[in-house]
């Protein structure tokens, strides 16, 4: 089942979008099943889980931290994390940079924007993002790499609303690319779309989709 689902979703992704298999709450043997048919990008939303699975699984897995990340836990994932999707404050970015320095690596990050009509979702506003991008301290962060943006749509059956929210994230990406990252080839990712709404996200230009239950089933 996992192989069939992966192949089906990857076929819809085409060549411009990477599928992140969201393995949160699923055991090692289920993740290995996906690994053995070629899946290498996996997403977790809790630091403890991503550390445990990193230690247990092959080291060519690319681990994506997709959940809300607390500053005091960055140090646990800094040595190995492939991409941190949920950077929602400058203080968090500073801590990631600090841990990148300690580990002798540049850590790739996405700026998370609040695009949903739900207060429970985390994320920056454009004003907050541009305030620190234009500030004097941002250029000093040489152990982070801003690779794009991330957002989560409202949990709703209103597909028009979801589409508009994804369009708003794409617009934010375009604006930041033009204003702050025009000469930065690494700024190229738009992380949006999950199991219930990834087809819409693909239509609206997502380069990273985060799909769990459609691959592994519900827990």
C-alpha atoms as a PDB file:
ATOM      1  CA  UNK A   1       0.000   0.000   0.000  1.00  0.00           C
ATOM      2  CA  UNK A   2       2.738   2.461   0.952  1.00  0.00           C
ATOM      3  CA  UNK A   3       4.576   1.859  -2.333  1.00  0.00           C
ATOM      4  CA  UNK A   4       1.415   2.387  -4.399  1.00  0.00           C
ATOM      5  CA  UNK A   5       0.512   5.580  -2.554  1.00  0.00           C
ATOM      6  CA  UNK A   6       4.018   6.990  -2.865  1.00  0.00           C
ATOM      7  CA  UNK A   7       4.131   6.285  -6.587  1.00  0.00           C
ATOM      8  CA  UNK A   8       0.714   7.831  -7.140  1.00  0.00           C
ATOM      9  CA  UNK A   9       1.526  11.032  -5.234  1.00  0.00           C
ATOM     10  CA  UNK A  10       5.001  11.362  -6.750  1.00  0.00           C
ATOM     11  CA  UNK A  11       3.487  11.055 -10.211  1.00  0.00           C
ATOM     12  CA  UNK A  12       1.245  14.027  -9.456  1.00  0.00           C
ATOM     13  CA  UNK A  13       4.246  16.017  -8.180  1.00  0.00           C
ATOM     14  CA  UNK A  14       6.053  15.969 -11.505  1.00  0.00           C
ATOM     15  CA  UNK A  15       9.645  17.172 -11.580  1.00  0.00           C
ATOM     16  CA  UNK A  16       9.254  20.461  -9.719  1.00  0.00           C
ATOM     17  CA  UNK A  17       7.827  19.310  -6.384  1.00  0.00           C
ATOM     18  CA  UNK A  18       9.381  17.170  -3.655  1.00  0.00           C
ATOM     19  CA  UNK A  19       7.199  14.843  -1.607  1.00  0.00           C
ATOM     20  CA  UNK A  20       7.922  14.864   2.126  1.00  0.00           C
ATOM     21  CA  UNK A  21       6.462  11.755   3.738  1.00  0.00           C
ATOM     22  CA  UNK A  22       5.169  12.897   7.125  1.00  0.00           C
ATOM     23  CA  UNK A  23       6.107  10.006   9.392  1.00  0.00           C
ATOM     24  CA  UNK A  24       4.967  11.511  12.708  1.00  0.00           C
ATOM     25  CA  UNK A  25       3.369   8.941  15.057  1.00  0.00           C
ATOM     26  CA  UNK A  26       4.384   6.083  12.740  1.00  0.00           C
ATOM     27  CA  UNK A  27       6.859   3.372  13.790  1.00  0.00           C
ATOM     28  CA  UNK A  28      10.274   2.667  12.315  1.00  0.00           C
ATOM     29  CA  UNK A  29       9.149  -0.367  10.313  1.00  0.00           C
ATOM     30  CA  UNK A  30       6.546   1.685   8.428  1.00  0.00           C
ATOM     31  CA  UNK A  31       9.118   4.368   7.626  1.00  0.00           C
ATOM     32  CA  UNK A  32      11.574   1.701   6.444  1.00  0.00           C
ATOM     33  CA  UNK A  33       8.884   0.363   4.136  1.00  0.00           C
ATOM     34  CA  UNK A  34       8.759   3.768   2.436  1.00  0.00           C
ATOM     35  CA  UNK A  35      12.553   4.070   2.500  1.00  0.00           C
ATOM     36  CA  UNK A  36      12.991   0.717   0.794  1.00  0.00           C
ATOM     37  CA  UNK A  37      10.937   1.870  -2.207  1.00  0.00           C
ATOM     38  CA  UNK A  38      13.050   4.986  -2.621  1.00  0.00           C
ATOM     39  CA  UNK A  39      11.519   7.647  -0.351  1.00  0.00           C
ATOM     40  CA  UNK A  40      14.234   9.783   1.275  1.00  0.00           C
ATOM     41  CA  UNK A  41      12.475  12.933   2.543  1.00  0.00           C
ATOM     42  CA  UNK A  42      10.590  12.493   5.811  1.00  0.00           C
ATOM     43  CA  UNK A  43       8.892  15.033   8.069  1.00  0.00           C
ATOM     44  CA  UNK A  44       8.397  15.090  11.836  1.00  0.00           C
ATOM     45  CA  UNK A  45       6.747  17.689  14.034  1.00  0.00           C
ATOM     46  CA  UNK A  46       8.316  16.810  17.411  1.00  0.00           C
ATOM     47  CA  UNK A  47      11.997  17.126  18.245  1.00  0.00           C
ATOM     48  CA  UNK A  48      12.120  13.994  20.396  1.00  0.00           C
ATOM     49  CA  UNK A  49      10.639  11.887  17.589  1.00  0.00           C
ATOM     50  CA  UNK A  50      12.890  13.249  14.851  1.00  0.00           C
ATOM     51  CA  UNK A  51      16.001  12.604  16.995  1.00  0.00           C
ATOM     52  CA  UNK A  52      14.952   9.037  17.816  1.00  0.00           C
ATOM     53  CA  UNK A  53      14.176   8.235  14.200  1.00  0.00           C
ATOM     54  CA  UNK A  54      17.361   9.878  12.927  1.00  0.00           C
ATOM     55  CA  UNK A  55      19.355   7.605  15.211  1.00  0.00           C
ATOM     56  CA  UNK A  56      17.441   4.492  14.161  1.00  0.00           C
ATOM     57  CA  UNK A  57      17.262   4.964  10.396  1.00  0.00           C
ATOM     58  CA  UNK A  58      19.787   5.146   7.520  1.00  0.00           C
ATOM     59  CA  UNK A  59      21.818   8.325   7.422  1.00  0.00           C
ATOM     60  CA  UNK A  60      20.881   9.283   3.863  1.00  0.00           C
ATOM     61  CA  UNK A  61      17.367  10.148   5.029  1.00  0.00           C
ATOM     62  CA  UNK A  62      16.657  13.885   4.684  1.00  0.00           C
ATOM     63  CA  UNK A  63      14.828  14.953   7.843  1.00  0.00           C
ATOM     64  CA  UNK A  64      12.419  17.886   7.692  1.00  0.00           C
ATOM     65  CA  UNK A  65      11.300  19.584  10.918  1.00  0.00           C
ATOM     66  CA  UNK A  66       7.760  20.617  10.015  1.00  0.00           C
ATOM     67  CA  UNK A  67       6.273  21.405  13.424  1.00  0.00           C
ATOM     68  CA  UNK A  68       6.485  24.398  15.726  1.00  0.00           C
ATOM     69  CA  UNK A  69      10.084  24.527  16.974  1.00  0.00           C
ATOM     70  CA  UNK A  70      10.997  25.887  20.406  1.00  0.00           C
ATOM     71  CA  UNK A  71      14.310  27.698  20.686  1.00  0.00           C
ATOM     72  CA  UNK A  72      15.590  25.532  23.524  1.00  0.00           C
ATOM     73  CA  UNK A  73      15.245  22.393  21.381  1.00  0.00           C
ATOM     74  CA  UNK A  74      17.099  23.553  18.262  1.00  0.00           C
ATOM     75  CA  UNK A  75      20.384  22.125  19.591  1.00  0.00           C
ATOM     76  CA  UNK A  76      19.061  18.567  19.404  1.00  0.00           C
ATOM     77  CA  UNK A  77      18.361  18.649  15.655  1.00  0.00           C
ATOM     78  CA  UNK A  78      21.047  21.107  14.534  1.00  0.00           C
ATOM     79  CA  UNK A  79      23.670  18.426  13.756  1.00  0.00           C
ATOM     80  CA  UNK A  80      21.570  16.651  11.140  1.00  0.00           C
ATOM     81  CA  UNK A  81      18.296  18.355  10.155  1.00  0.00           C
ATOM     82  CA  UNK A  82      17.929  18.845   6.397  1.00  0.00           C
ATOM     83  CA  UNK A  83      15.356  21.663   6.469  1.00  0.00           C
ATOM     84  CA  UNK A  84      13.478  23.530   9.213  1.00  0.00           C
ATOM     85  CA  UNK A  85      10.107  24.555   7.782  1.00  0.00           C
ATOM     86  CA  UNK A  86       8.614  26.540  10.643  1.00  0.00           C
ATOM     87  CA  UNK A  87      10.765  29.591  11.370  1.00  0.00           C
ATOM     88  CA  UNK A  88       8.254  32.044  12.771  1.00  0.00           C
ATOM     89  CA  UNK A  89      10.446  34.543  14.650  1.00  0.00           C
ATOM     90  CA  UNK A  90      13.803  36.263  14.367  1.00  0.00           C
ATOM     91  CA  UNK A  91      14.809  34.940  17.794  1.00  0.00           C
ATOM     92  CA  UNK A  92      14.342  31.393  16.526  1.00  0.00           C
ATOM     93  CA  UNK A  93      16.435  32.209  13.464  1.00  0.00           C
ATOM     94  CA  UNK A  94      19.191  33.569  15.721  1.00  0.00           C
ATOM     95  CA  UNK A  95      19.177  30.376  17.774  1.00  0.00           C
ATOM     96  CA  UNK A  96      19.357  28.209  14.647  1.00  0.00           C
ATOM     97  CA  UNK A  97      22.320  30.284  13.495  1.00  0.00           C
ATOM     98  CA  UNK A  98      24.001  29.847  16.900  1.00  0.00           C
ATOM     99  CA  UNK A  99      23.587  26.075  16.731  1.00  0.00           C
ATOM    100  CA  UNK A 100      24.707  26.020  13.100  1.00  0.00           C
ATOM    101  CA  UNK A 101      27.934  27.727  14.179  1.00  0.00           C
ATOM    102  CA  UNK A 102      28.453  25.174  16.963  1.00  0.00           C
ATOM    103  CA  UNK A 103      27.985  22.320  14.498  1.00  0.00           C
ATOM    104  CA  UNK A 104      30.033  23.834  11.701  1.00  0.00           C
ATOM    105  CA  UNK A 105      27.200  23.873   9.182  1.00  0.00           C
ATOM    106  CA  UNK A 106      24.702  26.139   7.498  1.00  0.00           C
ATOM    107  CA  UNK A 107      21.175  25.095   8.420  1.00  0.00           C
ATOM    108  CA  UNK A 108      18.496  25.492   5.767  1.00  0.00           C
ATOM    109  CA  UNK A 109      15.265  27.188   6.863  1.00  0.00           C
ATOM    110  CA  UNK A 110      11.908  28.328   5.545  1.00  0.00           C
ATOM    111  CA  UNK A 111      10.057  31.375   6.836  1.00  0.00           C
ATOM    112  CA  UNK A 112       6.617  30.313   8.040  1.00  0.00           C
ATOM    113  CA  UNK A 113       3.793  32.718   7.252  1.00  0.00           C
ATOM    114  CA  UNK A 114       0.345  32.832   8.807  1.00  0.00           C
ATOM    115  CA  UNK A 115      -2.016  32.409   5.857  1.00  0.00           C
ATOM    116  CA  UNK A 116      -4.918  30.578   7.524  1.00  0.00           C
ATOM    117  CA  UNK A 117      -8.006  32.074   9.140  1.00  0.00           C
ATOM    118  CA  UNK A 118      -7.231  30.161  12.325  1.00  0.00           C
ATOM    119  CA  UNK A 119      -5.552  31.569  15.414  1.00  0.00           C
ATOM    120  CA  UNK A 120      -4.069  28.183  16.282  1.00  0.00           C
ATOM    121  CA  UNK A 121      -1.683  28.314  13.324  1.00  0.00           C
ATOM    122  CA  UNK A 122       1.744  29.869  13.811  1.00  0.00           C
ATOM    123  CA  UNK A 123       3.469  32.177  11.361  1.00  0.00           C
ATOM    124  CA  UNK A 124       4.891  35.551  10.486  1.00  0.00           C
ATOM    125  CA  UNK A 125       3.214  38.482   8.817  1.00  0.00           C
ATOM    126  CA  UNK A 126       4.961  40.107   5.874  1.00  0.00           C
ATOM    127  CA  UNK A 127       5.623  43.160   8.057  1.00  0.00           C
ATOM    128  CA  UNK A 128       7.347  41.053  10.720  1.00  0.00           C
ATOM    129  CA  UNK A 129       9.475  39.253   8.149  1.00  0.00           C
ATOM    130  CA  UNK A 130      10.628  42.360   6.314  1.00  0.00           C
ATOM    131  CA  UNK A 131      11.380  44.103   9.625  1.00  0.00           C
ATOM    132  CA  UNK A 132      14.095  41.609  10.528  1.00  0.00           C
ATOM    133  CA  UNK A 133      15.250  40.982   6.956  1.00  0.00           C
ATOM    134  CA  UNK A 134      15.933  44.726   6.685  1.00  0.00           C
ATOM    135  CA  UNK A 135      17.458  44.938  10.158  1.00  0.00           C
ATOM    136  CA  UNK A 136      21.158  45.260  10.964  1.00  0.00           C
ATOM    137  CA  UNK A 137      21.460  41.832  12.602  1.00  0.00           C
ATOM    138  CA  UNK A 138      20.145  39.638   9.774  1.00  0.00           C
ATOM    139  CA  UNK A 139      23.271  39.917   7.550  1.00  0.00           C
ATOM    140  CA  UNK A 140      25.350  38.631  10.496  1.00  0.00           C
ATOM    141  CA  UNK A 141      23.591  35.249  10.445  1.00  0.00           C
ATOM    142  CA  UNK A 142      26.041  33.299   8.332  1.00  0.00           C
ATOM    143  CA  UNK A 143      25.147  29.809   9.539  1.00  0.00           C
ATOM    144  CA  UNK A 144      21.579  29.780   8.250  1.00  0.00           C
ATOM    145  CA  UNK A 145      20.265  29.554   4.720  1.00  0.00           C
ATOM    146  CA  UNK A 146      16.813  30.976   3.907  1.00  0.00           C
ATOM    147  CA  UNK A 147      15.448  28.715   1.190  1.00  0.00           C
ATOM    148  CA  UNK A 148      11.864  29.914   0.850  1.00  0.00           C
ATOM    149  CA  UNK A 149       8.520  30.046   2.622  1.00  0.00           C
ATOM    150  CA  UNK A 150       6.037  27.731   4.316  1.00  0.00           C
ATOM    151  CA  UNK A 151       2.380  28.017   5.229  1.00  0.00           C
ATOM    152  CA  UNK A 152      -0.634  25.972   6.322  1.00  0.00           C
ATOM    153  CA  UNK A 153      -4.088  26.583   4.926  1.00  0.00           C
ATOM    154  CA  UNK A 154      -7.235  26.689   7.022  1.00  0.00           C
ATOM    155  CA  UNK A 155      -8.684  23.269   7.846  1.00  0.00           C
ATOM    156  CA  UNK A 156     -11.883  23.590   5.862  1.00  0.00           C
ATOM    157  CA  UNK A 157     -13.830  21.945   3.053  1.00  0.00           C
ATOM    158  CA  UNK A 158     -14.022  25.306   1.274  1.00  0.00           C
ATOM    159  CA  UNK A 159     -11.571  24.648  -1.550  1.00  0.00           C
ATOM    160  CA  UNK A 160     -11.827  28.222  -2.825  1.00  0.00           C
ATOM    161  CA  UNK A 161     -10.603  29.518   0.523  1.00  0.00           C
ATOM    162  CA  UNK A 162      -7.737  27.021   0.570  1.00  0.00           C
ATOM    163  CA  UNK A 163      -6.769  28.033  -2.960  1.00  0.00           C
ATOM    164  CA  UNK A 164      -6.780  31.730  -2.046  1.00  0.00           C
ATOM    165  CA  UNK A 165      -4.574  31.061   0.984  1.00  0.00           C
ATOM    166  CA  UNK A 166      -2.084  29.127  -1.109  1.00  0.00           C
ATOM    167  CA  UNK A 167      -2.138  31.918  -3.681  1.00  0.00           C
ATOM    168  CA  UNK A 168      -1.383  34.405  -0.912  1.00  0.00           C
ATOM    169  CA  UNK A 169       1.664  32.367   0.167  1.00  0.00           C
ATOM    170  CA  UNK A 170       2.905  32.206  -3.420  1.00  0.00           C
ATOM    171  CA  UNK A 171       2.477  35.973  -3.646  1.00  0.00           C
ATOM    172  CA  UNK A 172       4.494  36.421  -0.439  1.00  0.00           C
ATOM    173  CA  UNK A 173       7.211  34.225  -1.918  1.00  0.00           C
ATOM    174  CA  UNK A 174       7.294  36.279  -5.126  1.00  0.00           C
ATOM    175  CA  UNK A 175       7.459  39.542  -3.191  1.00  0.00           C
ATOM    176  CA  UNK A 176      10.330  38.354  -0.979  1.00  0.00           C
ATOM    177  CA  UNK A 177      12.176  36.892  -3.950  1.00  0.00           C
ATOM    178  CA  UNK A 178      11.996  40.255  -5.704  1.00  0.00           C
ATOM    179  CA  UNK A 179      12.776  42.433  -2.673  1.00  0.00           C
ATOM    180  CA  UNK A 180      15.344  40.434  -0.692  1.00  0.00           C
ATOM    181  CA  UNK A 181      16.456  37.266  -2.466  1.00  0.00           C
ATOM    182  CA  UNK A 182      16.635  38.100  -6.173  1.00  0.00           C
ATOM    183  CA  UNK A 183      20.292  37.082  -6.395  1.00  0.00           C
ATOM    184  CA  UNK A 184      19.906  34.068  -4.109  1.00  0.00           C
ATOM    185  CA  UNK A 185      19.386  30.864  -6.102  1.00  0.00           C
ATOM    186  CA  UNK A 186      18.755  28.899  -2.901  1.00  0.00           C
ATOM    187  CA  UNK A 187      15.556  30.863  -2.218  1.00  0.00           C
ATOM    188  CA  UNK A 188      13.299  28.631  -4.317  1.00  0.00           C
ATOM    189  CA  UNK A 189      10.961  26.650  -2.063  1.00  0.00           C
ATOM    190  CA  UNK A 190       7.245  27.040  -1.333  1.00  0.00           C
ATOM    191  CA  UNK A 191       6.226  24.458   1.269  1.00  0.00           C
ATOM    192  CA  UNK A 192       2.446  24.109   1.221  1.00  0.00           C
ATOM    193  CA  UNK A 193      -0.038  21.309   0.898  1.00  0.00           C
ATOM    194  CA  UNK A 194      -0.834  18.306   3.110  1.00  0.00           C
ATOM    195  CA  UNK A 195      -2.810  15.093   2.699  1.00  0.00           C
ATOM    196  CA  UNK A 196      -6.203  16.775   2.309  1.00  0.00           C
ATOM    197  CA  UNK A 197      -5.213  19.735   0.148  1.00  0.00           C
ATOM    198  CA  UNK A 198      -1.963  18.936  -1.677  1.00  0.00           C
ATOM    199  CA  UNK A 199      -3.607  18.697  -5.146  1.00  0.00           C
ATOM    200  CA  UNK A 200      -4.650  22.364  -4.805  1.00  0.00           C
ATOM    201  CA  UNK A 201      -1.181  23.266  -3.515  1.00  0.00           C
ATOM    202  CA  UNK A 202       0.422  21.635  -6.546  1.00  0.00           C
ATOM    203  CA  UNK A 203      -1.803  23.679  -8.844  1.00  0.00           C
ATOM    204  CA  UNK A 204      -0.760  26.835  -6.994  1.00  0.00           C
ATOM    205  CA  UNK A 205       2.973  26.238  -7.317  1.00  0.00           C
ATOM    206  CA  UNK A 206       4.058  24.261  -4.272  1.00  0.00           C
ATOM    207  CA  UNK A 207       7.612  22.878  -4.442  1.00  0.00           C
ATOM    208  CA  UNK A 208       7.341  20.856  -1.204  1.00  0.00           C
ATOM    209  CA  UNK A 209       4.231  18.944  -0.121  1.00  0.00           C
ATOM    210  CA  UNK A 210       3.951  17.387   3.341  1.00  0.00           C
ATOM    211  CA  UNK A 211       1.820  14.235   3.118  1.00  0.00           C
ATOM    212  CA  UNK A 212       1.276  11.747   5.939  1.00  0.00           C
ATOM    213  CA  UNK A 213      -2.060   9.954   6.201  1.00  0.00           C
ATOM    214  CA  UNK A 214      -2.418   9.532   2.427  1.00  0.00           C
ATOM    215  CA  UNK A 215       0.802   7.463   2.560  1.00  0.00           C
ATOM    216  CA  UNK A 216       0.855   5.748   5.930  1.00  0.00           C
ATOM    217  CA  UNK A 217      -2.845   5.787   6.805  1.00  0.00           C
ATOM    218  CA  UNK A 218      -4.323   7.415   9.886  1.00  0.00           C
ATOM    219  CA  UNK A 219      -3.156   6.581  13.411  1.00  0.00           C
END
